């Protein structure tokens, strides 16, 4: 059996005492905010991966330039 609570946005299921959110607009807003947070987190991870990749490429280029310079002085 479902009963009303003091807060009009919630109902209580008497069989297991669970609170049920009855405010559909608040729930949809919560889902939208959660998706935005998830999307932001994914973009942030991709940017971090790109920074790491660029750093690795710079290090490899530095090693190649160093080898080239060392090779030209030994000739």
Protein backbone atom coordinates (compact mmCIF):
# COMPACT_ATOMS: atom_id res chain seq x y z
CA UNK A 1 0.00 0.00 0.00
CA UNK A 2 1.29 3.48 -0.94
CA UNK A 3 0.73 6.37 1.49
CA UNK A 4 1.44 10.09 1.32
CA UNK A 5 4.23 11.66 3.37
CA UNK A 6 4.68 15.13 4.83
CA UNK A 7 6.65 16.08 1.72
CA UNK A 8 4.24 16.14 -1.22
CA UNK A 9 7.01 15.06 -3.62
CA UNK A 10 7.34 11.66 -1.95
CA UNK A 11 5.16 8.65 -1.25
CA UNK A 12 5.95 5.73 1.04
CA UNK A 13 5.51 2.06 0.15
CA UNK A 14 4.24 0.44 3.34
CA UNK A 15 5.34 -3.06 2.33
CA UNK A 16 9.06 -2.20 2.35
CA UNK A 17 9.09 1.41 3.67
CA UNK A 18 10.70 2.68 0.47
CA UNK A 19 10.36 6.36 -0.41
CA UNK A 20 9.03 6.94 -3.92
CA UNK A 21 9.65 10.24 -5.69
CA UNK A 22 6.35 11.35 -7.20
CA UNK A 23 7.71 14.61 -8.68
CA UNK A 24 8.31 13.67 -12.32
CA UNK A 25 9.75 17.10 -13.23
CA UNK A 26 12.35 16.93 -10.46
CA UNK A 27 13.26 13.39 -11.49
CA UNK A 28 13.68 14.37 -15.15
CA UNK A 29 15.81 17.36 -14.13
CA UNK A 30 17.97 15.06 -11.99
CA UNK A 31 18.43 12.65 -14.92
CA UNK A 32 19.37 15.53 -17.24
CA UNK A 33 21.93 16.92 -14.76
CA UNK A 34 23.39 13.47 -14.21
CA UNK A 35 23.78 12.97 -17.99
CA UNK A 36 25.50 16.36 -18.31
CA UNK A 37 27.87 15.43 -15.48
CA UNK A 38 28.61 12.09 -17.17
CA UNK A 39 29.22 13.81 -20.53
CA UNK A 40 31.51 16.40 -18.89
CA UNK A 41 33.46 13.65 -17.15
CA UNK A 42 33.94 11.78 -20.44
CA UNK A 43 35.15 14.92 -22.22
CA UNK A 44 37.55 15.62 -19.36
CA UNK A 45 38.97 12.08 -19.59
CA UNK A 46 39.42 12.41 -23.36
CA UNK A 47 41.26 15.74 -22.91
CA UNK A 48 43.55 14.15 -20.32
CA UNK A 49 44.29 11.27 -22.71
CA UNK A 50 45.07 13.74 -25.52
CA UNK A 51 47.42 15.67 -23.23
CA UNK A 52 49.25 12.45 -22.40
CA UNK A 53 49.47 11.47 -26.07
CA UNK A 54 50.85 14.89 -27.03
CA UNK A 55 53.39 14.70 -24.23
CA UNK A 56 54.49 11.24 -25.43
CA UNK A 57 54.84 12.53 -29.00
CA UNK A 58 56.93 15.49 -27.82
CA UNK A 59 59.21 13.15 -25.87
CA UNK A 60 59.64 10.85 -28.88
CA UNK A 61 60.42 13.80 -31.14
CA UNK A 62 63.00 15.01 -28.63
CA UNK A 63 64.67 11.59 -28.66
CA UNK A 64 64.69 11.51 -32.47
CA UNK A 65 66.22 15.00 -32.63
CA UNK A 66 68.82 14.03 -30.04
CA UNK A 67 69.76 10.89 -32.04
CA UNK A 68 69.96 12.93 -35.23
CA UNK A 69 72.22 15.51 -33.58
CA UNK A 70 74.46 12.83 -32.04
CA UNK A 71 74.68 11.02 -35.38
CA UNK A 72 75.71 14.14 -37.29
CA UNK A 73 78.52 14.99 -34.83
CA UNK A 74 80.02 11.49 -35.09
CA UNK A 75 80.48 11.74 -38.88
